[in-house]
Amino acid sequence: MEEGKSLYFQQEDNLSGKAIYRLRVLSASLDRVVFDTENAVTVRYLLIPLFRPGDMQSIYFLERESQAVWRYYSIMRMSKNASPWAAGHEASSINRAVAFYRYLAGIPTDKEPPASP
C-alpha cells in the first residue's frame, strides 16, 4: 500500500450484497494513517440500485495517542443522489461502527450486546 495509489477490494454485506470498493491511502506514517474508500460499482439491494459509483464515501483516521493507544475516527457520507431505500438504517450503522472499533481494540465481538437494538 502506497500513498496516493488506489487498491480495489470486494466486500459482501448482508444489506447490499457484493460490491467492489476503491481504497486510497492518503497519508501513512508510524503515528498516523489516513485512507478513504468509495464504491467503485453500483451497489444494489436485490435488483434495486442504492448507490451509483462514488455515491458512498468514507474516510478513516488512525492516530497514535501513546505507545499503547491508537485513536480511531471516521466519517461516511452518502450522495444526495443515493436511493431513498438506503436511508433509515441507523441501528445497523451504529452496530457496524462499534463492531469495527471492538475489532481494532481487540475486544471480543461476541461478549457484548449490540450497541443498538
PDB file of N, CA and C in Angstrom:
ATOM      1  N   MET A   1       0.852  -1.175   0.000  1.00  0.00           N
ATOM      2  CA  MET A   1       0.000   0.000   0.000  1.00  0.00           C
ATOM      3  C   MET A   1       0.899   1.240   0.000  1.00  0.00           C
ATOM      4  N   GLU A   2       0.618   2.136  -0.907  1.00  0.00           N
ATOM      5  CA  GLU A   2       1.398   3.360  -1.026  1.00  0.00           C
ATOM      6  C   GLU A   2       0.464   4.561  -1.045  1.00  0.00           C
ATOM      7  N   GLU A   3       0.965   5.678  -0.526  1.00  0.00           N
ATOM      8  CA  GLU A   3       0.180   6.907  -0.562  1.00  0.00           C
ATOM      9  C   GLU A   3      -0.200   7.244  -1.991  1.00  0.00           C
ATOM     10  N   GLY A   4      -1.472   7.595  -2.173  1.00  0.00           N
ATOM     11  CA  GLY A   4      -1.956   8.026  -3.469  1.00  0.00           C
ATOM     12  C   GLY A   4      -2.355   6.916  -4.424  1.00  0.00           C
ATOM     13  N   LYS A   5      -1.947   5.685  -4.162  1.00  0.00           N
ATOM     14  CA  LYS A   5      -2.301   4.568  -5.043  1.00  0.00           C
ATOM     15  C   LYS A   5      -3.688   4.057  -4.672  1.00  0.00           C
ATOM     16  N   SER A   6      -4.428   3.633  -5.673  1.00  0.00           N
ATOM     17  CA  SER A   6      -5.753   3.055  -5.436  1.00  0.00           C
ATOM     18  C   SER A   6      -5.673   1.540  -5.439  1.00  0.00           C
ATOM     19  N   LEU A   7      -6.341   0.944  -4.499  1.00  0.00           N
ATOM     20  CA  LEU A   7      -6.491  -0.506  -4.417  1.00  0.00           C
ATOM     21  C   LEU A   7      -7.981  -0.804  -4.471  1.00  0.00           C
ATOM     22  N   TYR A   8      -8.323  -1.982  -4.945  1.00  0.00           N
ATOM     23  CA  TYR A   8      -9.730  -2.353  -5.055  1.00  0.00           C
ATOM     24  C   TYR A   8      -9.973  -3.633  -4.282  1.00  0.00           C
ATOM     25  N   PHE A   9     -11.113  -3.704  -3.614  1.00  0.00           N
ATOM     26  CA  PHE A   9     -11.471  -4.901  -2.870  1.00  0.00           C
ATOM     27  C   PHE A   9     -12.960  -5.153  -3.010  1.00  0.00           C
ATOM     28  N   GLN A  10     -13.327  -6.393  -2.820  1.00  0.00           N
ATOM     29  CA  GLN A  10     -14.740  -6.766  -2.866  1.00  0.00           C
ATOM     30  C   GLN A  10     -15.208  -7.011  -1.452  1.00  0.00           C
ATOM     31  N   GLN A  11     -16.380  -6.510  -1.151  1.00  0.00           N
ATOM     32  CA  GLN A  11     -16.961  -6.690   0.177  1.00  0.00           C
ATOM     33  C   GLN A  11     -18.370  -7.220   0.013  1.00  0.00           C
ATOM     34  N   GLU A  12     -18.720  -8.185   0.844  1.00  0.00           N
ATOM     35  CA  GLU A  12     -20.080  -8.706   0.827  1.00  0.00           C
ATOM     36  C   GLU A  12     -20.774  -8.270   2.101  1.00  0.00           C
ATOM     37  N   ASP A  13     -21.947  -7.739   1.933  1.00  0.00           N
ATOM     38  CA  ASP A  13     -22.701  -7.134   3.021  1.00  0.00           C
ATOM     39  C   ASP A  13     -24.085  -7.767   3.069  1.00  0.00           C
ATOM     40  N   ASN A  14     -24.620  -7.933   4.274  1.00  0.00           N
ATOM     41  CA  ASN A  14     -25.940  -8.556   4.380  1.00  0.00           C
ATOM     42  C   ASN A  14     -27.059  -7.641   3.888  1.00  0.00           C
ATOM     43  N   LEU A  15     -26.789  -6.355   3.732  1.00  0.00           N
ATOM     44  CA  LEU A  15     -27.811  -5.444   3.224  1.00  0.00           C
ATOM     45  C   LEU A  15     -27.684  -5.202   1.724  1.00  0.00           C
ATOM     46  N   SER A  16     -26.445  -5.087   1.244  1.00  0.00           N
ATOM     47  CA  SER A  16     -26.283  -4.694  -0.153  1.00  0.00           C
ATOM     48  C   SER A  16     -25.565  -5.725  -1.012  1.00  0.00           C
ATOM     49  N   GLY A  17     -25.288  -6.892  -0.476  1.00  0.00           N
ATOM     50  CA  GLY A  17     -24.649  -7.935  -1.268  1.00  0.00           C
ATOM     51  C   GLY A  17     -23.195  -7.621  -1.576  1.00  0.00           C
ATOM     52  N   LYS A  18     -22.703  -8.145  -2.694  1.00  0.00           N
ATOM     53  CA  LYS A  18     -21.303  -7.955  -3.081  1.00  0.00           C
ATOM     54  C   LYS A  18     -21.140  -6.649  -3.854  1.00  0.00           C
ATOM     55  N   ALA A  19     -20.042  -5.956  -3.559  1.00  0.00           N
ATOM     56  CA  ALA A  19     -19.714  -4.737  -4.307  1.00  0.00           C
ATOM     57  C   ALA A  19     -18.200  -4.553  -4.286  1.00  0.00           C
ATOM     58  N   ILE A  20     -17.713  -3.806  -5.239  1.00  0.00           N
ATOM     59  CA  ILE A  20     -16.284  -3.506  -5.320  1.00  0.00           C
ATOM     60  C   ILE A  20     -16.073  -2.066  -4.865  1.00  0.00           C
ATOM     61  N   TYR A  21     -15.060  -1.879  -4.030  1.00  0.00           N
ATOM     62  CA  TYR A  21     -14.743  -0.573  -3.464  1.00  0.00           C
ATOM     63  C   TYR A  21     -13.312  -0.195  -3.803  1.00  0.00           C
ATOM     64  N   ARG A  22     -13.080   1.104  -3.901  1.00  0.00           N
ATOM     65  CA  ARG A  22     -11.739   1.631  -4.091  1.00  0.00           C
ATOM     66  C   ARG A  22     -11.230   2.128  -2.743  1.00  0.00           C
ATOM     67  N   LEU A  23     -10.004   1.792  -2.398  1.00  0.00           N
ATOM     68  CA  LEU A  23      -9.353   2.262  -1.181  1.00  0.00           C
ATOM     69  C   LEU A  23      -8.119   3.025  -1.606  1.00  0.00           C
ATOM     70  N   ARG A  24      -7.920   4.203  -1.024  1.00  0.00           N
ATOM     71  CA  ARG A  24      -6.748   5.016  -1.335  1.00  0.00           C
ATOM     72  C   ARG A  24      -6.120   5.496  -0.037  1.00  0.00           C
ATOM     73  N   VAL A  25      -4.828   5.241   0.132  1.00  0.00           N
ATOM     74  CA  VAL A  25      -4.095   5.728   1.298  1.00  0.00           C
ATOM     75  C   VAL A  25      -3.733   7.182   1.033  1.00  0.00           C
ATOM     76  N   LEU A  26      -4.238   8.073   1.885  1.00  0.00           N
ATOM     77  CA  LEU A  26      -3.970   9.498   1.707  1.00  0.00           C
ATOM     78  C   LEU A  26      -2.682   9.913   2.390  1.00  0.00           C
ATOM     79  N   SER A  27      -2.406   9.315   3.559  1.00  0.00           N
ATOM     80  CA  SER A  27      -1.134   9.557   4.236  1.00  0.00           C
ATOM     81  C   SER A  27      -0.850   8.385   5.164  1.00  0.00           C
ATOM     82  N   ALA A  28       0.431   8.104   5.338  1.00  0.00           N
ATOM     83  CA  ALA A  28       0.834   6.998   6.201  1.00  0.00           C
ATOM     84  C   ALA A  28       2.185   7.321   6.834  1.00  0.00           C
ATOM     85  N   SER A  29       2.233   7.199   8.138  1.00  0.00           N
ATOM     86  CA  SER A  29       3.481   7.359   8.882  1.00  0.00           C
ATOM     87  C   SER A  29       3.432   6.394  10.052  1.00  0.00           C
ATOM     88  N   LEU A  30       4.470   6.383  10.862  1.00  0.00           N
ATOM     89  CA  LEU A  30       4.481   5.483  12.023  1.00  0.00           C
ATOM     90  C   LEU A  30       3.399   5.836  13.036  1.00  0.00           C
ATOM     91  N   ASP A  31       2.946   7.089  13.037  1.00  0.00           N
ATOM     92  CA  ASP A  31       1.995   7.540  14.048  1.00  0.00           C
ATOM     93  C   ASP A  31       0.618   7.906  13.512  1.00  0.00           C
ATOM     94  N   ARG A  32       0.437   7.820  12.189  1.00  0.00           N
ATOM     95  CA  ARG A  32      -0.858   8.234  11.634  1.00  0.00           C
ATOM     96  C   ARG A  32      -1.081   7.580  10.277  1.00  0.00           C
ATOM     97  N   VAL A  33      -2.307   7.086  10.065  1.00  0.00           N
ATOM     98  CA  VAL A  33      -2.713   6.542   8.778  1.00  0.00           C
ATOM     99  C   VAL A  33      -4.073   7.146   8.437  1.00  0.00           C
ATOM    100  N   VAL A  34      -4.198   7.640   7.217  1.00  0.00           N
ATOM    101  CA  VAL A  34      -5.471   8.181   6.741  1.00  0.00           C
ATOM    102  C   VAL A  34      -5.753   7.529   5.386  1.00  0.00           C
ATOM    103  N   PHE A  35      -6.946   6.954   5.266  1.00  0.00           N
ATOM    104  CA  PHE A  35      -7.338   6.372   3.986  1.00  0.00           C
ATOM    105  C   PHE A  35      -8.813   6.611   3.746  1.00  0.00           C
ATOM    106  N   ASP A  36      -9.182   6.582   2.474  1.00  0.00           N
ATOM    107  CA  ASP A  36     -10.596   6.746   2.137  1.00  0.00           C
ATOM    108  C   ASP A  36     -11.049   5.588   1.261  1.00  0.00           C
ATOM    109  N   THR A  37     -12.349   5.395   1.223  1.00  0.00           N
ATOM    110  CA  THR A  37     -12.948   4.356   0.386  1.00  0.00           C
ATOM    111  C   THR A  37     -14.175   4.945  -0.301  1.00  0.00           C
ATOM    112  N   GLU A  38     -14.515   4.364  -1.437  1.00  0.00           N
ATOM    113  CA  GLU A  38     -15.777   4.686  -2.096  1.00  0.00           C
ATOM    114  C   GLU A  38     -16.183   3.505  -2.951  1.00  0.00           C
ATOM    115  N   ASN A  39     -17.480   3.384  -3.177  1.00  0.00           N
ATOM    116  CA  ASN A  39     -17.951   2.296  -4.030  1.00  0.00           C
ATOM    117  C   ASN A  39     -17.534   2.562  -5.468  1.00  0.00           C
ATOM    118  N   ALA A  40     -16.951   1.530  -6.098  1.00  0.00           N
ATOM    119  CA  ALA A  40     -16.473   1.655  -7.470  1.00  0.00           C
ATOM    120  C   ALA A  40     -17.509   1.168  -8.485  1.00  0.00           C
ATOM    121  N   VAL A  41     -18.506   0.458  -8.005  1.00  0.00           N
ATOM    122  CA  VAL A  41     -19.573  -0.067  -8.852  1.00  0.00           C
ATOM    123  C   VAL A  41     -20.912   0.286  -8.215  1.00  0.00           C
ATOM    124  N   THR A  42     -21.976   0.107  -8.956  1.00  0.00           N
ATOM    125  CA  THR A  42     -23.307   0.332  -8.406  1.00  0.00           C
ATOM    126  C   THR A  42     -23.597  -0.698  -7.329  1.00  0.00           C
ATOM    127  N   VAL A  43     -24.026  -0.221  -6.165  1.00  0.00           N
ATOM    128  CA  VAL A  43     -24.396  -1.097  -5.052  1.00  0.00           C
ATOM    129  C   VAL A  43     -25.900  -1.290  -5.123  1.00  0.00           C
ATOM    130  N   ARG A  44     -26.316  -2.549  -5.091  1.00  0.00           N
ATOM    131  CA  ARG A  44     -27.746  -2.874  -5.219  1.00  0.00           C
ATOM    132  C   ARG A  44     -28.237  -3.669  -4.024  1.00  0.00           C
ATOM    133  N   TYR A  45     -29.505  -3.513  -3.740  1.00  0.00           N
ATOM    134  CA  TYR A  45     -30.198  -4.374  -2.788  1.00  0.00           C
ATOM    135  C   TYR A  45     -31.220  -5.136  -3.609  1.00  0.00           C
ATOM    136  N   LEU A  46     -31.064  -6.456  -3.681  1.00  0.00           N
ATOM    137  CA  LEU A  46     -31.793  -7.277  -4.628  1.00  0.00           C
ATOM    138  C   LEU A  46     -31.474  -6.711  -6.018  1.00  0.00           C
ATOM    139  N   LEU A  47     -32.407  -6.195  -6.724  1.00  0.00           N
ATOM    140  CA  LEU A  47     -32.113  -5.609  -8.034  1.00  0.00           C
ATOM    141  C   LEU A  47     -32.195  -4.083  -8.029  1.00  0.00           C
ATOM    142  N   ILE A  48     -32.497  -3.516  -6.861  1.00  0.00           N
ATOM    143  CA  ILE A  48     -32.695  -2.073  -6.749  1.00  0.00           C
ATOM    144  C   ILE A  48     -31.358  -1.369  -6.550  1.00  0.00           C
ATOM    145  N   PRO A  49     -30.987  -0.450  -7.453  1.00  0.00           N
ATOM    146  CA  PRO A  49     -29.736   0.288  -7.250  1.00  0.00           C
ATOM    147  C   PRO A  49     -29.866   1.258  -6.073  1.00  0.00           C
ATOM    148  N   LEU A  50     -28.951   1.131  -5.114  1.00  0.00           N
ATOM    149  CA  LEU A  50     -28.936   2.022  -3.951  1.00  0.00           C
ATOM    150  C   LEU A  50     -27.942   3.164  -4.140  1.00  0.00           C
ATOM    151  N   PHE A  51     -26.741   2.837  -4.636  1.00  0.00           N
ATOM    152  CA  PHE A  51     -25.674   3.818  -4.792  1.00  0.00           C
ATOM    153  C   PHE A  51     -24.990   3.634  -6.138  1.00  0.00           C
ATOM    154  N   ARG A  52     -24.933   4.696  -6.914  1.00  0.00           N
ATOM    155  CA  ARG A  52     -24.135   4.662  -8.140  1.00  0.00           C
ATOM    156  C   ARG A  52     -22.663   4.795  -7.742  1.00  0.00           C
ATOM    157  N   PRO A  53     -21.731   4.477  -8.644  1.00  0.00           N
ATOM    158  CA  PRO A  53     -20.304   4.592  -8.302  1.00  0.00           C
ATOM    159  C   PRO A  53     -19.974   5.964  -7.709  1.00  0.00           C
ATOM    160  N   GLY A  54     -19.292   5.945  -6.574  1.00  0.00           N
ATOM    161  CA  GLY A  54     -18.885   7.168  -5.892  1.00  0.00           C
ATOM    162  C   GLY A  54     -19.922   7.773  -4.972  1.00  0.00           C
ATOM    163  N   ASP A  55     -21.131   7.209  -4.910  1.00  0.00           N
ATOM    164  CA  ASP A  55     -22.188   7.766  -4.064  1.00  0.00           C
ATOM    165  C   ASP A  55     -21.971   7.504  -2.577  1.00  0.00           C
ATOM    166  N   MET A  56     -21.156   6.515  -2.220  1.00  0.00           N
ATOM    167  CA  MET A  56     -20.930   6.167  -0.817  1.00  0.00           C
ATOM    168  C   MET A  56     -19.434   6.298  -0.535  1.00  0.00           C
ATOM    169  N   GLN A  57     -19.070   7.244   0.321  1.00  0.00           N
ATOM    170  CA  GLN A  57     -17.669   7.525   0.594  1.00  0.00           C
ATOM    171  C   GLN A  57     -17.414   7.559   2.095  1.00  0.00           C
ATOM    172  N   SER A  58     -16.227   7.082   2.471  1.00  0.00           N
ATOM    173  CA  SER A  58     -15.803   7.112   3.874  1.00  0.00           C
ATOM    174  C   SER A  58     -14.349   7.545   3.942  1.00  0.00           C
ATOM    175  N   ILE A  59     -13.990   8.153   5.057  1.00  0.00           N
ATOM    176  CA  ILE A  59     -12.592   8.462   5.334  1.00  0.00           C
ATOM    177  C   ILE A  59     -12.291   7.995   6.753  1.00  0.00           C
ATOM    178  N   TYR A  60     -11.110   7.420   6.944  1.00  0.00           N
ATOM    179  CA  TYR A  60     -10.715   6.820   8.209  1.00  0.00           C
ATOM    180  C   TYR A  60      -9.406   7.434   8.679  1.00  0.00           C
ATOM    181  N   PHE A  61      -9.335   7.717   9.970  1.00  0.00           N
ATOM    182  CA  PHE A  61      -8.131   8.265  10.588  1.00  0.00           C
ATOM    183  C   PHE A  61      -7.725   7.355  11.739  1.00  0.00           C
ATOM    184  N   LEU A  62      -6.488   6.927  11.750  1.00  0.00           N
ATOM    185  CA  LEU A  62      -5.918   6.180  12.870  1.00  0.00           C
ATOM    186  C   LEU A  62      -4.677   6.937  13.305  1.00  0.00           C
ATOM    187  N   GLU A  63      -4.650   7.363  14.568  1.00  0.00           N
ATOM    188  CA  GLU A  63      -3.543   8.166  15.072  1.00  0.00           C
ATOM    189  C   GLU A  63      -3.053   7.598  16.394  1.00  0.00           C
ATOM    190  N   ARG A  64      -1.738   7.549  16.526  1.00  0.00           N
ATOM    191  CA  ARG A  64      -1.143   7.071  17.779  1.00  0.00           C
ATOM    192  C   ARG A  64      -1.298   8.157  18.840  1.00  0.00           C
ATOM    193  N   GLU A  65      -1.941   7.785  19.941  1.00  0.00           N
ATOM    194  CA  GLU A  65      -2.105   8.710  21.061  1.00  0.00           C
ATOM    195  C   GLU A  65      -0.964   8.539  22.058  1.00  0.00           C
ATOM    196  N   SER A  66      -0.545   7.294  22.236  1.00  0.00           N
ATOM    197  CA  SER A  66       0.592   6.972  23.104  1.00  0.00           C
ATOM    198  C   SER A  66       1.196   5.672  22.579  1.00  0.00           C
ATOM    199  N   GLN A  67       2.194   5.155  23.267  1.00  0.00           N
ATOM    200  CA  GLN A  67       2.844   3.936  22.799  1.00  0.00           C
ATOM    201  C   GLN A  67       1.855   2.769  22.653  1.00  0.00           C
ATOM    202  N   ALA A  68       0.865   2.694  23.545  1.00  0.00           N
ATOM    203  CA  ALA A  68      -0.060   1.558  23.548  1.00  0.00           C
ATOM    204  C   ALA A  68      -1.485   1.908  23.108  1.00  0.00           C
ATOM    205  N   VAL A  69      -1.733   3.165  22.762  1.00  0.00           N
ATOM    206  CA  VAL A  69      -3.106   3.580  22.452  1.00  0.00           C
ATOM    207  C   VAL A  69      -3.157   4.270  21.092  1.00  0.00           C
ATOM    208  N   TRP A  70      -4.097   3.797  20.268  1.00  0.00           N
ATOM    209  CA  TRP A  70      -4.374   4.432  18.984  1.00  0.00           C
ATOM    210  C   TRP A  70      -5.757   5.033  19.022  1.00  0.00           C
ATOM    211  N   ARG A  71      -5.934   6.173  18.424  1.00  0.00           N
ATOM    212  CA  ARG A  71      -7.228   6.830  18.306  1.00  0.00           C
ATOM    213  C   ARG A  71      -7.759   6.544  16.898  1.00  0.00           C
ATOM    214  N   TYR A  72      -9.047   6.256  16.801  1.00  0.00           N
ATOM    215  CA  TYR A  72      -9.675   5.961  15.514  1.00  0.00           C
ATOM    216  C   TYR A  72     -10.920   6.810  15.371  1.00  0.00           C
ATOM    217  N   TYR A  73     -11.090   7.411  14.223  1.00  0.00           N
ATOM    218  CA  TYR A  73     -12.359   8.056  13.910  1.00  0.00           C
ATOM    219  C   TYR A  73     -12.562   8.026  12.404  1.00  0.00           C
ATOM    220  N   SER A  74     -13.816   8.104  12.023  1.00  0.00           N
ATOM    221  CA  SER A  74     -14.144   8.070  10.599  1.00  0.00           C
ATOM    222  C   SER A  74     -15.454   8.809  10.384  1.00  0.00           C
ATOM    223  N   ILE A  75     -15.693   9.074   9.132  1.00  0.00           N
ATOM    224  CA  ILE A  75     -16.963   9.680   8.760  1.00  0.00           C
ATOM    225  C   ILE A  75     -17.360   9.095   7.408  1.00  0.00           C
ATOM    226  N   MET A  76     -18.647   8.934   7.229  1.00  0.00           N
ATOM    227  CA  MET A  76     -19.171   8.382   5.985  1.00  0.00           C
ATOM    228  C   MET A  76     -20.220   9.339   5.449  1.00  0.00           C
ATOM    229  N   ARG A  77     -20.313   9.380   4.139  1.00  0.00           N
ATOM    230  CA  ARG A  77     -21.362  10.189   3.526  1.00  0.00           C
ATOM    231  C   ARG A  77     -21.990   9.418   2.384  1.00  0.00           C
ATOM    232  N   MET A  78     -23.245   9.728   2.158  1.00  0.00           N
ATOM    233  CA  MET A  78     -23.964   9.188   1.017  1.00  0.00           C
ATOM    234  C   MET A  78     -24.398  10.372   0.169  1.00  0.00           C
ATOM    235  N   SER A  79     -24.268  10.239  -1.123  1.00  0.00           N
ATOM    236  CA  SER A  79     -24.642  11.298  -2.047  1.00  0.00           C
ATOM    237  C   SER A  79     -26.131  11.618  -1.928  1.00  0.00           C
ATOM    238  N   LYS A  80     -26.469  12.852  -2.201  1.00  0.00           N
ATOM    239  CA  LYS A  80     -27.887  13.225  -2.211  1.00  0.00           C
ATOM    240  C   LYS A  80     -28.634  12.503  -3.324  1.00  0.00           C
ATOM    241  N   ASN A  81     -27.886  11.923  -4.269  1.00  0.00           N
ATOM    242  CA  ASN A  81     -28.498  11.163  -5.361  1.00  0.00           C
ATOM    243  C   ASN A  81     -28.718   9.698  -5.011  1.00  0.00           C
ATOM    244  N   ALA A  82     -28.310   9.288  -3.796  1.00  0.00           N
ATOM    245  CA  ALA A  82     -28.492   7.893  -3.397  1.00  0.00           C
ATOM    246  C   ALA A  82     -29.983   7.574  -3.305  1.00  0.00           C
ATOM    247  N   SER A  83     -30.293   6.315  -3.441  1.00  0.00           N
ATOM    248  CA  SER A  83     -31.682   5.876  -3.386  1.00  0.00           C
ATOM    249  C   SER A  83     -32.272   6.133  -2.001  1.00  0.00           C
ATOM    250  N   PRO A  84     -33.535   6.540  -1.920  1.00  0.00           N
ATOM    251  CA  PRO A  84     -34.180   6.697  -0.614  1.00  0.00           C
ATOM    252  C   PRO A  84     -34.268   5.368   0.140  1.00  0.00           C
ATOM    253  N   TRP A  85     -34.121   4.258  -0.569  1.00  0.00           N
ATOM    254  CA  TRP A  85     -34.128   2.950   0.088  1.00  0.00           C
ATOM    255  C   TRP A  85     -32.907   2.759   0.981  1.00  0.00           C
ATOM    256  N   ALA A  86     -31.889   3.584   0.806  1.00  0.00           N
ATOM    257  CA  ALA A  86     -30.660   3.458   1.593  1.00  0.00           C
ATOM    258  C   ALA A  86     -30.778   4.113   2.965  1.00  0.00           C
ATOM    259  N   ALA A  87     -31.788   4.928   3.185  1.00  0.00           N
ATOM    260  CA  ALA A  87     -31.941   5.654   4.449  1.00  0.00           C
ATOM    261  C   ALA A  87     -32.656   4.798   5.495  1.00  0.00           C
ATOM    262  N   GLY A  88     -32.505   5.205   6.754  1.00  0.00           N
ATOM    263  CA  GLY A  88     -33.274   4.592   7.827  1.00  0.00           C
ATOM    264  C   GLY A  88     -32.669   3.355   8.458  1.00  0.00           C
ATOM    265  N   HIS A  89     -31.364   3.185   8.353  1.00  0.00           N
ATOM    266  CA  HIS A  89     -30.710   2.014   8.943  1.00  0.00           C
ATOM    267  C   HIS A  89     -29.710   2.438  10.011  1.00  0.00           C
ATOM    268  N   GLU A  90     -30.118   3.355  10.892  1.00  0.00           N
ATOM    269  CA  GLU A  90     -29.214   3.911  11.891  1.00  0.00           C
ATOM    270  C   GLU A  90     -28.656   2.838  12.818  1.00  0.00           C
ATOM    271  N   ALA A  91     -29.499   1.910  13.289  1.00  0.00           N
ATOM    272  CA  ALA A  91     -29.037   0.867  14.208  1.00  0.00           C
ATOM    273  C   ALA A  91     -27.950   0.012  13.555  1.00  0.00           C
ATOM    274  N   SER A  92     -28.125  -0.314  12.288  1.00  0.00           N
ATOM    275  CA  SER A  92     -27.130  -1.099  11.570  1.00  0.00           C
ATOM    276  C   SER A  92     -25.810  -0.343  11.476  1.00  0.00           C
ATOM    277  N   SER A  93     -25.876   0.947  11.175  1.00  0.00           N
ATOM    278  CA  SER A  93     -24.655   1.759  11.076  1.00  0.00           C
ATOM    279  C   SER A  93     -23.933   1.842  12.419  1.00  0.00           C
ATOM    280  N   ILE A  94     -24.687   2.026  13.494  1.00  0.00           N
ATOM    281  CA  ILE A  94     -24.091   2.085  14.830  1.00  0.00           C
ATOM    282  C   ILE A  94     -23.414   0.765  15.159  1.00  0.00           C
ATOM    283  N   ASN A  95     -24.110  -0.338  14.932  1.00  0.00           N
ATOM    284  CA  ASN A  95     -23.545  -1.651  15.264  1.00  0.00           C
ATOM    285  C   ASN A  95     -22.301  -1.961  14.440  1.00  0.00           C
ATOM    286  N   ARG A  96     -22.269  -1.555  13.185  1.00  0.00           N
ATOM    287  CA  ARG A  96     -21.088  -1.774  12.340  1.00  0.00           C
ATOM    288  C   ARG A  96     -19.901  -0.965  12.855  1.00  0.00           C
ATOM    289  N   ALA A  97     -20.141   0.300  13.218  1.00  0.00           N
ATOM    290  CA  ALA A  97     -19.058   1.135  13.737  1.00  0.00           C
ATOM    291  C   ALA A  97     -18.514   0.566  15.048  1.00  0.00           C
ATOM    292  N   VAL A  98     -19.399   0.126  15.928  1.00  0.00           N
ATOM    293  CA  VAL A  98     -18.967  -0.454  17.209  1.00  0.00           C
ATOM    294  C   VAL A  98     -18.220  -1.764  16.970  1.00  0.00           C
ATOM    295  N   ALA A  99     -18.688  -2.597  16.055  1.00  0.00           N
ATOM    296  CA  ALA A  99     -18.002  -3.851  15.751  1.00  0.00           C
ATOM    297  C   ALA A  99     -16.594  -3.578  15.211  1.00  0.00           C
ATOM    298  N   PHE A 100     -16.458  -2.583  14.339  1.00  0.00           N
ATOM    299  CA  PHE A 100     -15.144  -2.224  13.801  1.00  0.00           C
ATOM    300  C   PHE A 100     -14.230  -1.747  14.923  1.00  0.00           C
ATOM    301  N   TYR A 101     -14.758  -0.895  15.819  1.00  0.00           N
ATOM    302  CA  TYR A 101     -13.971  -0.424  16.959  1.00  0.00           C
ATOM    303  C   TYR A 101     -13.540  -1.590  17.841  1.00  0.00           C
ATOM    304  N   ARG A 102     -14.470  -2.485  18.166  1.00  0.00           N
ATOM    305  CA  ARG A 102     -14.127  -3.635  19.011  1.00  0.00           C
ATOM    306  C   ARG A 102     -13.049  -4.492  18.364  1.00  0.00           C
ATOM    307  N   TYR A 103     -13.155  -4.675  17.057  1.00  0.00           N
ATOM    308  CA  TYR A 103     -12.148  -5.464  16.346  1.00  0.00           C
ATOM    309  C   TYR A 103     -10.775  -4.800  16.459  1.00  0.00           C
ATOM    310  N   LEU A 104     -10.713  -3.491  16.182  1.00  0.00           N
ATOM    311  CA  LEU A 104      -9.438  -2.774  16.254  1.00  0.00           C
ATOM    312  C   LEU A 104      -8.875  -2.744  17.668  1.00  0.00           C
ATOM    313  N   ALA A 105      -9.764  -2.639  18.658  1.00  0.00           N
ATOM    314  CA  ALA A 105      -9.337  -2.549  20.055  1.00  0.00           C
ATOM    315  C   ALA A 105      -9.044  -3.917  20.676  1.00  0.00           C
ATOM    316  N   GLY A 106      -9.337  -4.989  19.944  1.00  0.00           N
ATOM    317  CA  GLY A 106      -9.089  -6.319  20.480  1.00  0.00           C
ATOM    318  C   GLY A 106     -10.133  -6.779  21.496  1.00  0.00           C
ATOM    319  N   ILE A 107     -11.299  -6.162  21.467  1.00  0.00           N
ATOM    320  CA  ILE A 107     -12.393  -6.536  22.366  1.00  0.00           C
ATOM    321  C   ILE A 107     -13.187  -7.644  21.695  1.00  0.00           C
ATOM    322  N   PRO A 108     -13.400  -8.770  22.374  1.00  0.00           N
ATOM    323  CA  PRO A 108     -14.177  -9.851  21.745  1.00  0.00           C
ATOM    324  C   PRO A 108     -15.543  -9.347  21.299  1.00  0.00           C
ATOM    325  N   THR A 109     -15.858  -9.593  20.049  1.00  0.00           N
ATOM    326  CA  THR A 109     -17.105  -9.065  19.493  1.00  0.00           C
ATOM    327  C   THR A 109     -18.329  -9.865  19.906  1.00  0.00           C
ATOM    328  N   ASP A 110     -18.120 -11.061  20.468  1.00  0.00           N
ATOM    329  CA  ASP A 110     -19.263 -11.884  20.872  1.00  0.00           C
ATOM    330  C   ASP A 110     -19.525 -11.827  22.372  1.00  0.00           C
ATOM    331  N   LYS A 111     -18.847 -10.954  23.101  1.00  0.00           N
ATOM    332  CA  LYS A 111     -19.014 -10.851  24.549  1.00  0.00           C
ATOM    333  C   LYS A 111     -19.911  -9.717  24.999  1.00  0.00           C
ATOM    334  N   GLU A 112     -20.196  -8.806  24.108  1.00  0.00           N
ATOM    335  CA  GLU A 112     -21.001  -7.630  24.445  1.00  0.00           C
ATOM    336  C   GLU A 112     -22.288  -7.661  23.633  1.00  0.00           C
ATOM    337  N   PRO A 113     -23.355  -7.081  24.154  1.00  0.00           N
ATOM    338  CA  PRO A 113     -24.581  -6.995  23.345  1.00  0.00           C
ATOM    339  C   PRO A 113     -24.401  -5.966  22.234  1.00  0.00           C
ATOM    340  N   PRO A 114     -25.253  -5.980  21.214  1.00  0.00           N
ATOM    341  CA  PRO A 114     -25.187  -4.955  20.170  1.00  0.00           C
ATOM    342  C   PRO A 114     -25.335  -3.564  20.806  1.00  0.00           C
ATOM    343  N   ALA A 115     -24.678  -2.577  20.227  1.00  0.00           N
ATOM    344  CA  ALA A 115     -24.757  -1.220  20.753  1.00  0.00           C
ATOM    345  C   ALA A 115     -26.133  -0.613  20.545  1.00  0.00           C
ATOM    346  N   SER A 116     -26.821  -1.064  19.506  1.00  0.00           N
ATOM    347  CA  SER A 116     -28.146  -0.541  19.203  1.00  0.00           C
ATOM    348  C   SER A 116     -29.046  -1.708  18.817  1.00  0.00           C
ATOM    349  N   PRO A 117     -30.244  -1.763  19.386  1.00  0.00           N
ATOM    350  CA  PRO A 117     -31.151  -2.891  19.068  1.00  0.00           C
ATOM    351  C   PRO A 117     -31.675  -2.835  17.657  1.00  0.00           C
TER     352      PRO A 117
END
